[in-house]
Amino acid sequence: MKLAIVILNWNGKKFLEKFLPSLVARTPQWAEIIVADNASTDDSLAFMAEHHPGIRIIRNDKNYGFASGYNIALAQVEAEYYCLLNSDIEVAEGWVEPVVELLDSDETIAAVQPKILSFSERDRFEYAGACGGYLDKYGYPFCRGRVFDTIETDHGQYDTRADIFWATGAALFVRSSVYRALGGLDDDFFAHMEEIDLCWRIRNHGHRIVVEPRSVVFHVGGGTLPKNNAFKTFLNFRNNHYLLIKNLPKSRLLPTFLMRLLLDNVAALTFLLQGHGKDFTAVYKAHFEILKDHKKFRAKRKEQPFDAFRDVWHSPILVEYHLKGRHFFDGKSFIKKEKHD
């Protein structure tokens, strides 16, 4: 098989009902659509059996989260390329062909993401990936089209194909051979930032990651965990440290960790002042987990043939964004908000 499009589902019947028909209609026949179900307790599987009996179902025996759920499912799928696709995505016409053509044309490219627009505001980028992801030296992710909570309107400013540091897990095309060689997503992440970890490892092995804006999808976002959710806060803070412990050069580990402790404390205090007590607590729960698992994640560090840290953004985006008022990223530098409005 050339391409397997695998949707990981957990109690997502409303999304399957809404988005599967257009996905089926807009996907070429040489690509297979598969739903991997993480032991849903709604009637997702009954709906699939009745309305989409031709779509293959992989049944996981419990909710393994995003990372393990996909690893278990993809171990049962044979294809040249995988597409990890969120259930809360509507695909545009012709969304597959540009990506597969790109992967076929250049073996140095291991992963590709489409342009991600908002389902509810279709002329705006969507938070989770926008038009390609980057990372600063302290581990803060940002995108072409989204820096922190500043989300741009799409007027073609990022319609050029570009090499990026990470591709969104909401619609991630990846060579199956690379995915398997690197062990796939890290099961210990459960969910959130596991795709950034995978992409960092991909880049550490000298492969490229690219955004292909000719491919477009529309993402609802927050389909499983809403934005203001303490568990999501916990996962984001914990997993961001896991990401750094695994992938930073040795010389950067201690200074980065010390700076991040300071910055995390500032974030926690901000949550508290805003009345988000559960988010405040979640930061310190994450720190406890990080300290508990520190040795385990240091053991995952491996000698890499290429140091991708050289490609992170070395100017801290917290400084650029909050102190200098630069809210947009144009691929070379940050620019002030008024110049982009």
C-alpha atoms as a PDB file:
ATOM      1  CA  MET A   1       0.000   0.000   0.000  1.00  0.00           C
ATOM      2  CA  LYS A   2       1.239   3.492  -0.822  1.00  0.00           C
ATOM      3  CA  LEU A   3      -0.509   5.368   2.007  1.00  0.00           C
ATOM      4  CA  ALA A   4      -2.429   4.395   5.146  1.00  0.00           C
ATOM      5  CA  ILE A   5      -4.470   7.185   6.736  1.00  0.00           C
ATOM      6  CA  VAL A   6      -4.973   6.167  10.347  1.00  0.00           C
ATOM      7  CA  ILE A   7      -7.433   7.972  12.634  1.00  0.00           C
ATOM      8  CA  LEU A   8      -7.033   7.308  16.349  1.00  0.00           C
ATOM      9  CA  ASN A   9     -10.489   7.467  17.899  1.00  0.00           C
ATOM     10  CA  TRP A  10     -11.587   7.679  21.508  1.00  0.00           C
ATOM     11  CA  ASN A  11     -15.261   8.488  22.068  1.00  0.00           C
ATOM     12  CA  GLY A  12     -15.242  10.554  18.909  1.00  0.00           C
ATOM     13  CA  LYS A  13     -18.419   9.395  17.192  1.00  0.00           C
ATOM     14  CA  LYS A  14     -19.543  12.998  16.567  1.00  0.00           C
ATOM     15  CA  PHE A  15     -16.326  13.686  14.645  1.00  0.00           C
ATOM     16  CA  LEU A  16     -16.419  10.424  12.701  1.00  0.00           C
ATOM     17  CA  GLU A  17     -20.011  11.162  11.761  1.00  0.00           C
ATOM     18  CA  LYS A  18     -19.169  14.691  10.670  1.00  0.00           C
ATOM     19  CA  PHE A  19     -15.825  14.275   8.898  1.00  0.00           C
ATOM     20  CA  LEU A  20     -15.506  10.713   7.592  1.00  0.00           C
ATOM     21  CA  PRO A  21     -17.811  11.194   4.563  1.00  0.00           C
ATOM     22  CA  SER A  22     -15.722  14.059   3.136  1.00  0.00           C
ATOM     23  CA  LEU A  23     -12.486  12.226   3.998  1.00  0.00           C
ATOM     24  CA  VAL A  24     -13.652   9.185   2.037  1.00  0.00           C
ATOM     25  CA  ALA A  25     -14.794  11.349  -0.892  1.00  0.00           C
ATOM     26  CA  ARG A  26     -11.544  13.354  -1.025  1.00  0.00           C
ATOM     27  CA  THR A  27      -9.028  10.531  -0.581  1.00  0.00           C
ATOM     28  CA  PRO A  28      -7.717   8.657  -3.649  1.00  0.00           C
ATOM     29  CA  GLN A  29      -8.563   4.981  -3.943  1.00  0.00           C
ATOM     30  CA  TRP A  30      -4.909   3.950  -3.662  1.00  0.00           C
ATOM     31  CA  ALA A  31      -4.875   5.158  -0.040  1.00  0.00           C
ATOM     32  CA  GLU A  32      -6.532   3.150   2.732  1.00  0.00           C
ATOM     33  CA  ILE A  33      -8.454   4.778   5.590  1.00  0.00           C
ATOM     34  CA  ILE A  34      -8.212   2.971   8.935  1.00  0.00           C
ATOM     35  CA  VAL A  35      -9.813   3.808  12.281  1.00  0.00           C
ATOM     36  CA  ALA A  36      -7.862   2.705  15.355  1.00  0.00           C
ATOM     37  CA  ASP A  37     -10.185   2.750  18.335  1.00  0.00           C
ATOM     38  CA  ASN A  38      -8.820   3.283  21.851  1.00  0.00           C
ATOM     39  CA  ALA A  39     -11.602   1.296  23.589  1.00  0.00           C
ATOM     40  CA  SER A  40     -14.288   3.940  23.116  1.00  0.00           C
ATOM     41  CA  THR A  41     -17.255   3.802  25.464  1.00  0.00           C
ATOM     42  CA  ASP A  42     -19.577   5.718  23.159  1.00  0.00           C
ATOM     43  CA  ASP A  43     -21.152   4.050  20.119  1.00  0.00           C
ATOM     44  CA  SER A  44     -18.302   4.904  17.714  1.00  0.00           C
ATOM     45  CA  LEU A  45     -17.857   1.296  16.616  1.00  0.00           C
ATOM     46  CA  ALA A  46     -21.574   0.695  16.163  1.00  0.00           C
ATOM     47  CA  PHE A  47     -21.720   3.815  14.010  1.00  0.00           C
ATOM     48  CA  MET A  48     -18.764   2.614  11.930  1.00  0.00           C
ATOM     49  CA  ALA A  49     -20.289  -0.831  11.441  1.00  0.00           C
ATOM     50  CA  GLU A  50     -23.556   0.653  10.246  1.00  0.00           C
ATOM     51  CA  HIS A  51     -22.373   3.552   8.103  1.00  0.00           C
ATOM     52  CA  HIS A  52     -18.799   2.693   7.051  1.00  0.00           C
ATOM     53  CA  PRO A  53     -18.552  -1.099   7.042  1.00  0.00           C
ATOM     54  CA  GLY A  54     -15.783  -1.036   4.417  1.00  0.00           C
ATOM     55  CA  ILE A  55     -13.357   0.914   6.615  1.00  0.00           C
ATOM     56  CA  ARG A  56     -10.911  -1.248   8.533  1.00  0.00           C
ATOM     57  CA  ILE A  57     -11.119  -1.009  12.319  1.00  0.00           C
ATOM     58  CA  ILE A  58      -8.222  -1.748  14.669  1.00  0.00           C
ATOM     59  CA  ARG A  59      -9.532  -2.312  18.191  1.00  0.00           C
ATOM     60  CA  ASN A  60      -7.219  -1.449  21.087  1.00  0.00           C
ATOM     61  CA  ASP A  61      -8.236  -3.111  24.350  1.00  0.00           C
ATOM     62  CA  LYS A  62      -8.011   0.105  26.408  1.00  0.00           C
ATOM     63  CA  ASN A  63      -7.332   3.823  26.029  1.00  0.00           C
ATOM     64  CA  TYR A  64      -3.578   3.870  25.458  1.00  0.00           C
ATOM     65  CA  GLY A  65      -3.447   7.602  24.751  1.00  0.00           C
ATOM     66  CA  PHE A  66      -2.170   9.153  21.567  1.00  0.00           C
ATOM     67  CA  ALA A  67       1.378   7.792  21.518  1.00  0.00           C
ATOM     68  CA  SER A  68       0.861   4.146  22.470  1.00  0.00           C
ATOM     69  CA  GLY A  69      -2.493   4.021  20.716  1.00  0.00           C
ATOM     70  CA  TYR A  70      -0.839   4.897  17.438  1.00  0.00           C
ATOM     71  CA  ASN A  71       2.187   2.668  18.003  1.00  0.00           C
ATOM     72  CA  ILE A  72      -0.020  -0.367  18.648  1.00  0.00           C
ATOM     73  CA  ALA A  73      -2.190   0.367  15.629  1.00  0.00           C
ATOM     74  CA  LEU A  74       0.598   1.187  13.174  1.00  0.00           C
ATOM     75  CA  ALA A  75       2.415  -2.043  14.071  1.00  0.00           C
ATOM     76  CA  GLN A  76      -0.528  -3.736  12.323  1.00  0.00           C
ATOM     77  CA  VAL A  77      -0.420  -1.559   9.192  1.00  0.00           C
ATOM     78  CA  GLU A  78       1.749  -2.139   6.117  1.00  0.00           C
ATOM     79  CA  ALA A  79       2.190   0.924   3.911  1.00  0.00           C
ATOM     80  CA  GLU A  80       4.989   3.012   2.441  1.00  0.00           C
ATOM     81  CA  TYR A  81       3.675   6.149   4.128  1.00  0.00           C
ATOM     82  CA  TYR A  82       1.539   6.690   7.210  1.00  0.00           C
ATOM     83  CA  CYS A  83      -0.751   9.638   7.791  1.00  0.00           C
ATOM     84  CA  LEU A  84      -1.661  10.127  11.443  1.00  0.00           C
ATOM     85  CA  LEU A  85      -4.911  12.081  11.164  1.00  0.00           C
ATOM     86  CA  ASN A  86      -6.993  13.510  13.996  1.00  0.00           C
ATOM     87  CA  SER A  87     -10.665  12.627  13.984  1.00  0.00           C
ATOM     88  CA  ASP A  88     -11.646  16.318  14.281  1.00  0.00           C
ATOM     89  CA  ILE A  89     -10.268  17.316  10.880  1.00  0.00           C
ATOM     90  CA  GLU A  90     -12.007  18.126   7.610  1.00  0.00           C
ATOM     91  CA  VAL A  91      -9.753  17.629   4.604  1.00  0.00           C
ATOM     92  CA  ALA A  92      -9.838  19.860   1.537  1.00  0.00           C
ATOM     93  CA  GLU A  93     -10.064  18.549  -2.004  1.00  0.00           C
ATOM     94  CA  GLY A  94      -6.678  17.335  -3.242  1.00  0.00           C
ATOM     95  CA  TRP A  95      -5.113  17.189   0.204  1.00  0.00           C
ATOM     96  CA  VAL A  96      -3.232  13.898  -0.290  1.00  0.00           C
ATOM     97  CA  GLU A  97      -1.611  14.142  -3.718  1.00  0.00           C
ATOM     98  CA  PRO A  98       0.815  17.078  -3.140  1.00  0.00           C
ATOM     99  CA  VAL A  99       2.236  15.426  -0.019  1.00  0.00           C
ATOM    100  CA  VAL A 100       2.734  12.011  -1.578  1.00  0.00           C
ATOM    101  CA  GLU A 101       4.269  13.583  -4.697  1.00  0.00           C
ATOM    102  CA  LEU A 102       6.724  15.440  -2.449  1.00  0.00           C
ATOM    103  CA  LEU A 103       7.677  12.321  -0.490  1.00  0.00           C
ATOM    104  CA  ASP A 104       8.072  10.332  -3.711  1.00  0.00           C
ATOM    105  CA  SER A 105      10.328  13.013  -5.209  1.00  0.00           C
ATOM    106  CA  ASP A 106      12.826  13.410  -2.361  1.00  0.00           C
ATOM    107  CA  GLU A 107      14.027  10.593  -0.113  1.00  0.00           C
ATOM    108  CA  THR A 108      15.687  13.043   2.285  1.00  0.00           C
ATOM    109  CA  ILE A 109      12.216  14.160   3.424  1.00  0.00           C
ATOM    110  CA  ALA A 110      10.867  11.870   6.150  1.00  0.00           C
ATOM    111  CA  ALA A 111       7.780  13.764   7.327  1.00  0.00           C
ATOM    112  CA  VAL A 112       5.364  16.336   5.923  1.00  0.00           C
ATOM    113  CA  GLN A 113       2.447  18.317   7.300  1.00  0.00           C
ATOM    114  CA  PRO A 114      -0.280  20.176   5.407  1.00  0.00           C
ATOM    115  CA  LYS A 115      -1.367  23.734   6.090  1.00  0.00           C
ATOM    116  CA  ILE A 116      -3.669  23.607   9.128  1.00  0.00           C
ATOM    117  CA  LEU A 117      -6.562  26.077   9.157  1.00  0.00           C
ATOM    118  CA  SER A 118      -9.293  26.531  11.729  1.00  0.00           C
ATOM    119  CA  PHE A 119     -12.526  24.671  11.080  1.00  0.00           C
ATOM    120  CA  SER A 120     -14.634  27.416  12.686  1.00  0.00           C
ATOM    121  CA  GLU A 121     -12.694  30.385  11.221  1.00  0.00           C
ATOM    122  CA  ARG A 122     -11.583  29.028   7.894  1.00  0.00           C
ATOM    123  CA  ASP A 123      -9.438  31.995   6.920  1.00  0.00           C
ATOM    124  CA  ARG A 124      -7.315  31.672  10.075  1.00  0.00           C
ATOM    125  CA  PHE A 125      -4.559  29.264  10.992  1.00  0.00           C
ATOM    126  CA  GLU A 126      -5.227  26.665  13.673  1.00  0.00           C
ATOM    127  CA  TYR A 127      -3.207  26.581  16.882  1.00  0.00           C
ATOM    128  CA  ALA A 128      -1.943  22.986  16.590  1.00  0.00           C
ATOM    129  CA  GLY A 129       0.567  23.268  13.765  1.00  0.00           C
ATOM    130  CA  ALA A 130      -0.581  26.212  11.632  1.00  0.00           C
ATOM    131  CA  CYS A 131       1.842  26.224   8.675  1.00  0.00           C
ATOM    132  CA  GLY A 132       4.811  24.420  10.199  1.00  0.00           C
ATOM    133  CA  GLY A 133       6.409  24.167  13.637  1.00  0.00           C
ATOM    134  CA  TYR A 134       9.616  25.525  15.149  1.00  0.00           C
ATOM    135  CA  LEU A 135      11.204  25.372  18.602  1.00  0.00           C
ATOM    136  CA  ASP A 136      13.228  27.866  20.611  1.00  0.00           C
ATOM    137  CA  LYS A 137      16.243  26.932  22.741  1.00  0.00           C
ATOM    138  CA  TYR A 138      14.155  26.614  25.906  1.00  0.00           C
ATOM    139  CA  GLY A 139      11.720  24.203  24.300  1.00  0.00           C
ATOM    140  CA  TYR A 140       8.828  26.556  23.530  1.00  0.00           C
ATOM    141  CA  PRO A 141       7.094  25.557  20.282  1.00  0.00           C
ATOM    142  CA  PHE A 142       5.684  28.062  17.803  1.00  0.00           C
ATOM    143  CA  CYS A 143       4.575  28.023  14.181  1.00  0.00           C
ATOM    144  CA  ARG A 144       4.419  29.933  10.949  1.00  0.00           C
ATOM    145  CA  GLY A 145       1.054  31.526  11.612  1.00  0.00           C
ATOM    146  CA  ARG A 146       0.912  31.037  15.410  1.00  0.00           C
ATOM    147  CA  VAL A 147       3.153  32.319  18.189  1.00  0.00           C
ATOM    148  CA  PHE A 148       1.795  31.560  21.671  1.00  0.00           C
ATOM    149  CA  ASP A 149      -1.885  32.625  21.494  1.00  0.00           C
ATOM    150  CA  THR A 150      -1.464  35.023  18.565  1.00  0.00           C
ATOM    151  CA  ILE A 151      -3.030  33.327  15.560  1.00  0.00           C
ATOM    152  CA  GLU A 152      -2.790  34.911  12.124  1.00  0.00           C
ATOM    153  CA  THR A 153      -5.296  35.217   9.336  1.00  0.00           C
ATOM    154  CA  ASP A 154      -4.178  33.234   6.299  1.00  0.00           C
ATOM    155  CA  HIS A 155      -3.737  35.505   3.298  1.00  0.00           C
ATOM    156  CA  GLY A 156      -1.124  33.392   1.532  1.00  0.00           C
ATOM    157  CA  GLN A 157       1.868  34.717   3.467  1.00  0.00           C
ATOM    158  CA  TYR A 158       3.086  31.167   4.226  1.00  0.00           C
ATOM    159  CA  ASP A 159       2.128  29.459   0.971  1.00  0.00           C
ATOM    160  CA  THR A 160       5.725  28.549   0.200  1.00  0.00           C
ATOM    161  CA  ARG A 161       6.948  25.040   0.949  1.00  0.00           C
ATOM    162  CA  ALA A 162       9.489  25.155   3.789  1.00  0.00           C
ATOM    163  CA  ASP A 163      11.717  23.007   5.956  1.00  0.00           C
ATOM    164  CA  ILE A 164      10.417  23.058   9.535  1.00  0.00           C
ATOM    165  CA  PHE A 165      11.588  21.704  12.874  1.00  0.00           C
ATOM    166  CA  TRP A 166       8.409  19.786  13.742  1.00  0.00           C
ATOM    167  CA  ALA A 167       5.200  18.776  12.024  1.00  0.00           C
ATOM    168  CA  THR A 168       1.839  18.669  13.746  1.00  0.00           C
ATOM    169  CA  GLY A 169       0.511  15.354  15.010  1.00  0.00           C
ATOM    170  CA  ALA A 170      -2.961  16.419  13.877  1.00  0.00           C
ATOM    171  CA  ALA A 171      -2.109  15.524  10.272  1.00  0.00           C
ATOM    172  CA  LEU A 172       1.348  13.961  10.145  1.00  0.00           C
ATOM    173  CA  PHE A 173       2.578  12.198   7.020  1.00  0.00           C
ATOM    174  CA  VAL A 174       5.678  10.095   7.736  1.00  0.00           C
ATOM    175  CA  ARG A 175       7.680   7.385   6.000  1.00  0.00           C
ATOM    176  CA  SER A 176       6.814   4.122   7.710  1.00  0.00           C
ATOM    177  CA  SER A 177      10.420   2.928   7.460  1.00  0.00           C
ATOM    178  CA  VAL A 178      11.656   5.957   9.421  1.00  0.00           C
ATOM    179  CA  TYR A 179       8.814   5.757  11.925  1.00  0.00           C
ATOM    180  CA  ARG A 180       9.626   2.128  12.681  1.00  0.00           C
ATOM    181  CA  ALA A 181      13.398   2.565  12.691  1.00  0.00           C
ATOM    182  CA  LEU A 182      13.082   5.264  15.366  1.00  0.00           C
ATOM    183  CA  GLY A 183      10.592   3.316  17.474  1.00  0.00           C
ATOM    184  CA  GLY A 184       7.627   5.523  16.632  1.00  0.00           C
ATOM    185  CA  LEU A 185       6.110   7.875  19.180  1.00  0.00           C
ATOM    186  CA  ASP A 186       7.396   7.684  22.751  1.00  0.00           C
ATOM    187  CA  ASP A 187       4.814   5.745  24.785  1.00  0.00           C
ATOM    188  CA  ASP A 188       5.746   7.598  27.988  1.00  0.00           C
ATOM    189  CA  PHE A 189       4.417  10.890  26.632  1.00  0.00           C
ATOM    190  CA  PHE A 190       0.818   9.519  26.528  1.00  0.00           C
ATOM    191  CA  ALA A 191      -0.336  12.635  24.643  1.00  0.00           C
ATOM    192  CA  HIS A 192       0.950  16.132  23.741  1.00  0.00           C
ATOM    193  CA  MET A 193       4.362  16.960  22.252  1.00  0.00           C
ATOM    194  CA  GLU A 194       5.100  13.355  21.335  1.00  0.00           C
ATOM    195  CA  GLU A 195       5.110  14.430  17.692  1.00  0.00           C
ATOM    196  CA  ILE A 196       7.730  17.116  18.444  1.00  0.00           C
ATOM    197  CA  ASP A 197       9.888  14.478  20.118  1.00  0.00           C
ATOM    198  CA  LEU A 198       9.535  12.191  17.095  1.00  0.00           C
ATOM    199  CA  CYS A 199      10.368  15.034  14.717  1.00  0.00           C
ATOM    200  CA  TRP A 200      13.435  16.014  16.746  1.00  0.00           C
ATOM    201  CA  ARG A 201      14.652  12.423  16.568  1.00  0.00           C
ATOM    202  CA  ILE A 202      13.931  12.357  12.835  1.00  0.00           C
ATOM    203  CA  ARG A 203      16.034  15.486  12.390  1.00  0.00           C
ATOM    204  CA  ASN A 204      18.775  14.072  14.631  1.00  0.00           C
ATOM    205  CA  HIS A 205      19.085  11.292  12.064  1.00  0.00           C
ATOM    206  CA  GLY A 206      19.620  13.793   9.266  1.00  0.00           C
ATOM    207  CA  HIS A 207      16.155  13.625   7.694  1.00  0.00           C
ATOM    208  CA  ARG A 208      14.121  16.649   6.668  1.00  0.00           C
ATOM    209  CA  ILE A 209      10.634  17.689   7.769  1.00  0.00           C
ATOM    210  CA  VAL A 210       8.616  19.895   5.428  1.00  0.00           C
ATOM    211  CA  VAL A 211       5.312  21.762   5.315  1.00  0.00           C
ATOM    212  CA  GLU A 212       3.419  21.468   2.017  1.00  0.00           C
ATOM    213  CA  PRO A 213       0.856  24.342   1.909  1.00  0.00           C
ATOM    214  CA  ARG A 214      -0.791  23.019  -1.264  1.00  0.00           C
ATOM    215  CA  SER A 215      -2.311  20.415   1.041  1.00  0.00           C
ATOM    216  CA  VAL A 216      -4.939  21.972   3.320  1.00  0.00           C
ATOM    217  CA  VAL A 217      -6.959  20.623   6.241  1.00  0.00           C
ATOM    218  CA  PHE A 218      -9.344  22.284   8.704  1.00  0.00           C
ATOM    219  CA  HIS A 219      -8.922  21.393  12.384  1.00  0.00           C
ATOM    220  CA  VAL A 220     -11.533  21.766  15.119  1.00  0.00           C
ATOM    221  CA  GLY A 221      -8.903  21.527  17.889  1.00  0.00           C
ATOM    222  CA  GLY A 222      -9.383  20.566  21.521  1.00  0.00           C
ATOM    223  CA  GLY A 223     -11.467  17.601  20.465  1.00  0.00           C
ATOM    224  CA  THR A 224     -10.203  15.308  23.241  1.00  0.00           C
ATOM    225  CA  LEU A 225      -8.869  17.720  25.871  1.00  0.00           C
ATOM    226  CA  PRO A 226     -10.103  21.353  25.827  1.00  0.00           C
ATOM    227  CA  LYS A 227      -7.642  24.205  26.194  1.00  0.00           C
ATOM    228  CA  ASN A 228      -8.447  25.045  29.829  1.00  0.00           C
ATOM    229  CA  ASN A 229      -7.896  21.584  31.246  1.00  0.00           C
ATOM    230  CA  ALA A 230      -5.544  20.904  34.164  1.00  0.00           C
ATOM    231  CA  PHE A 231      -4.562  17.468  32.849  1.00  0.00           C
ATOM    232  CA  LYS A 232      -3.614  19.054  29.527  1.00  0.00           C
ATOM    233  CA  THR A 233      -1.548  21.647  31.415  1.00  0.00           C
ATOM    234  CA  PHE A 234       0.173  18.840  33.312  1.00  0.00           C
ATOM    235  CA  LEU A 235       0.960  16.943  30.096  1.00  0.00           C
ATOM    236  CA  ASN A 236       2.278  20.026  28.308  1.00  0.00           C
ATOM    237  CA  PHE A 237       4.678  21.002  31.103  1.00  0.00           C
ATOM    238  CA  ARG A 238       5.793  17.446  31.857  1.00  0.00           C
ATOM    239  CA  ASN A 239       6.238  16.389  28.253  1.00  0.00           C
ATOM    240  CA  ASN A 240       8.067  19.541  27.301  1.00  0.00           C
ATOM    241  CA  HIS A 241      10.734  18.674  29.884  1.00  0.00           C
ATOM    242  CA  TYR A 242      10.773  15.041  28.708  1.00  0.00           C
ATOM    243  CA  LEU A 243      11.388  16.370  25.202  1.00  0.00           C
ATOM    244  CA  LEU A 244      14.346  18.462  26.334  1.00  0.00           C
ATOM    245  CA  ILE A 245      15.904  15.769  28.529  1.00  0.00           C
ATOM    246  CA  LYS A 246      15.844  13.305  25.623  1.00  0.00           C
ATOM    247  CA  ASN A 247      17.082  15.525  22.835  1.00  0.00           C
ATOM    248  CA  LEU A 248      19.152  18.464  24.048  1.00  0.00           C
ATOM    249  CA  PRO A 249      22.931  18.324  23.643  1.00  0.00           C
ATOM    250  CA  LYS A 250      24.570  17.337  26.929  1.00  0.00           C
ATOM    251  CA  SER A 251      26.124  20.770  27.421  1.00  0.00           C
ATOM    252  CA  ARG A 252      22.689  22.396  27.265  1.00  0.00           C
ATOM    253  CA  LEU A 253      20.867  20.139  29.731  1.00  0.00           C
ATOM    254  CA  LEU A 254      21.634  21.830  33.065  1.00  0.00           C
ATOM    255  CA  PRO A 255      21.405  25.506  31.992  1.00  0.00           C
ATOM    256  CA  THR A 256      18.168  24.829  30.125  1.00  0.00           C
ATOM    257  CA  PHE A 257      16.654  22.925  33.044  1.00  0.00           C
ATOM    258  CA  LEU A 258      17.506  25.705  35.515  1.00  0.00           C
ATOM    259  CA  MET A 259      16.071  28.396  33.265  1.00  0.00           C
ATOM    260  CA  ARG A 260      12.931  26.373  32.639  1.00  0.00           C
ATOM    261  CA  LEU A 261      12.355  25.899  36.386  1.00  0.00           C
ATOM    262  CA  LEU A 262      12.379  29.676  36.725  1.00  0.00           C
ATOM    263  CA  LEU A 263      10.091  30.206  33.736  1.00  0.00           C
ATOM    264  CA  ASP A 264       7.711  27.444  34.860  1.00  0.00           C
ATOM    265  CA  ASN A 265       7.407  29.113  38.268  1.00  0.00           C
ATOM    266  CA  VAL A 266       6.481  32.364  36.547  1.00  0.00           C
ATOM    267  CA  ALA A 267       3.865  30.506  34.500  1.00  0.00           C
ATOM    268  CA  ALA A 268       2.474  28.822  37.621  1.00  0.00           C
ATOM    269  CA  LEU A 269       2.203  32.158  39.436  1.00  0.00           C
ATOM    270  CA  THR A 270       0.415  33.624  36.418  1.00  0.00           C
ATOM    271  CA  PHE A 271      -2.110  30.769  36.513  1.00  0.00           C
ATOM    272  CA  LEU A 272      -2.703  31.460  40.210  1.00  0.00           C
ATOM    273  CA  LEU A 273      -3.194  35.203  39.710  1.00  0.00           C
ATOM    274  CA  GLN A 274      -5.659  34.462  36.917  1.00  0.00           C
ATOM    275  CA  GLY A 275      -7.685  32.233  39.227  1.00  0.00           C
ATOM    276  CA  HIS A 276      -6.656  28.948  37.569  1.00  0.00           C
ATOM    277  CA  GLY A 277      -5.743  27.052  40.722  1.00  0.00           C
ATOM    278  CA  LYS A 278      -5.850  23.623  39.111  1.00  0.00           C
ATOM    279  CA  ASP A 279      -3.428  24.732  36.388  1.00  0.00           C
ATOM    280  CA  PHE A 280      -1.140  26.159  39.088  1.00  0.00           C
ATOM    281  CA  THR A 281      -1.111  22.777  40.833  1.00  0.00           C
ATOM    282  CA  ALA A 282      -0.641  20.943  37.510  1.00  0.00           C
ATOM    283  CA  VAL A 283       2.713  22.685  36.930  1.00  0.00           C
ATOM    284  CA  TYR A 284       4.127  21.318  40.183  1.00  0.00           C
ATOM    285  CA  LYS A 285       2.628  17.884  39.603  1.00  0.00           C
ATOM    286  CA  ALA A 286       4.506  17.923  36.315  1.00  0.00           C
ATOM    287  CA  HIS A 287       7.746  18.904  38.086  1.00  0.00           C
ATOM    288  CA  PHE A 288       7.330  16.035  40.556  1.00  0.00           C
ATOM    289  CA  GLU A 289       6.849  13.608  37.664  1.00  0.00           C
ATOM    290  CA  ILE A 290       9.881  15.003  35.848  1.00  0.00           C
ATOM    291  CA  LEU A 291      12.115  14.531  38.897  1.00  0.00           C
ATOM    292  CA  LYS A 292      10.754  11.018  39.401  1.00  0.00           C
ATOM    293  CA  ASP A 293      11.381  10.018  35.765  1.00  0.00           C
ATOM    294  CA  HIS A 294      14.561  12.009  35.144  1.00  0.00           C
ATOM    295  CA  LYS A 295      16.910   9.008  35.109  1.00  0.00           C
ATOM    296  CA  LYS A 296      14.547   7.036  32.903  1.00  0.00           C
ATOM    297  CA  PHE A 297      14.522   9.752  30.256  1.00  0.00           C
ATOM    298  CA  ARG A 298      18.245  10.407  30.464  1.00  0.00           C
ATOM    299  CA  ALA A 299      18.679   6.711  29.671  1.00  0.00           C
ATOM    300  CA  LYS A 300      16.747   7.314  26.427  1.00  0.00           C
ATOM    301  CA  ARG A 301      19.395   9.724  25.197  1.00  0.00           C
ATOM    302  CA  LYS A 302      21.395   8.254  22.344  1.00  0.00           C
ATOM    303  CA  GLU A 303      24.306   9.328  20.223  1.00  0.00           C
ATOM    304  CA  GLN A 304      22.846  10.893  17.112  1.00  0.00           C
ATOM    305  CA  PRO A 305      24.439  11.224  13.669  1.00  0.00           C
ATOM    306  CA  PHE A 306      23.281  14.857  13.425  1.00  0.00           C
ATOM    307  CA  ASP A 307      22.746  17.556  16.077  1.00  0.00           C
ATOM    308  CA  ALA A 308      19.394  19.129  15.233  1.00  0.00           C
ATOM    309  CA  PHE A 309      19.725  21.587  18.145  1.00  0.00           C
ATOM    310  CA  ARG A 310      21.635  23.856  15.772  1.00  0.00           C
ATOM    311  CA  ASP A 311      18.311  24.408  13.979  1.00  0.00           C
ATOM    312  CA  VAL A 312      16.265  25.558  16.971  1.00  0.00           C
ATOM    313  CA  TRP A 313      15.485  29.269  17.324  1.00  0.00           C
ATOM    314  CA  HIS A 314      18.205  30.596  19.633  1.00  0.00           C
ATOM    315  CA  SER A 315      16.466  33.863  20.489  1.00  0.00           C
ATOM    316  CA  PRO A 316      14.001  33.115  23.349  1.00  0.00           C
ATOM    317  CA  ILE A 317      10.488  33.659  22.036  1.00  0.00           C
ATOM    318  CA  LEU A 318       9.264  34.714  25.489  1.00  0.00           C
ATOM    319  CA  VAL A 319      11.551  37.737  25.185  1.00  0.00           C
ATOM    320  CA  GLU A 320      10.605  38.417  21.572  1.00  0.00           C
ATOM    321  CA  TYR A 321       6.887  38.093  22.267  1.00  0.00           C
ATOM    322  CA  HIS A 322       6.350  39.629  25.702  1.00  0.00           C
ATOM    323  CA  LEU A 323       9.190  42.155  26.017  1.00  0.00           C
ATOM    324  CA  LYS A 324       9.765  43.228  22.414  1.00  0.00           C
ATOM    325  CA  GLY A 325       6.146  42.941  21.263  1.00  0.00           C
ATOM    326  CA  ARG A 326       7.011  40.804  18.255  1.00  0.00           C
ATOM    327  CA  HIS A 327       4.032  38.539  17.699  1.00  0.00           C
ATOM    328  CA  PHE A 328       4.626  37.092  14.242  1.00  0.00           C
ATOM    329  CA  PHE A 329       7.286  34.892  12.727  1.00  0.00           C
ATOM    330  CA  ASP A 330       8.122  35.187   9.048  1.00  0.00           C
ATOM    331  CA  GLY A 331      10.622  32.336   8.783  1.00  0.00           C
ATOM    332  CA  LYS A 332      13.703  34.467   9.329  1.00  0.00           C
ATOM    333  CA  SER A 333      12.898  36.737  12.266  1.00  0.00           C
ATOM    334  CA  PHE A 334      10.105  37.948  14.503  1.00  0.00           C
ATOM    335  CA  ILE A 335       8.223  41.046  13.442  1.00  0.00           C
ATOM    336  CA  LYS A 336       6.064  43.461  15.369  1.00  0.00           C
ATOM    337  CA  LYS A 337       2.315  43.006  15.403  1.00  0.00           C
ATOM    338  CA  GLU A 338       1.434  46.265  13.662  1.00  0.00           C
ATOM    339  CA  LYS A 339       3.488  45.340  10.607  1.00  0.00           C
ATOM    340  CA  HIS A 340       1.434  42.228   9.978  1.00  0.00           C
ATOM    341  CA  ASP A 341      -2.101  43.443  10.650  1.00  0.00           C
END
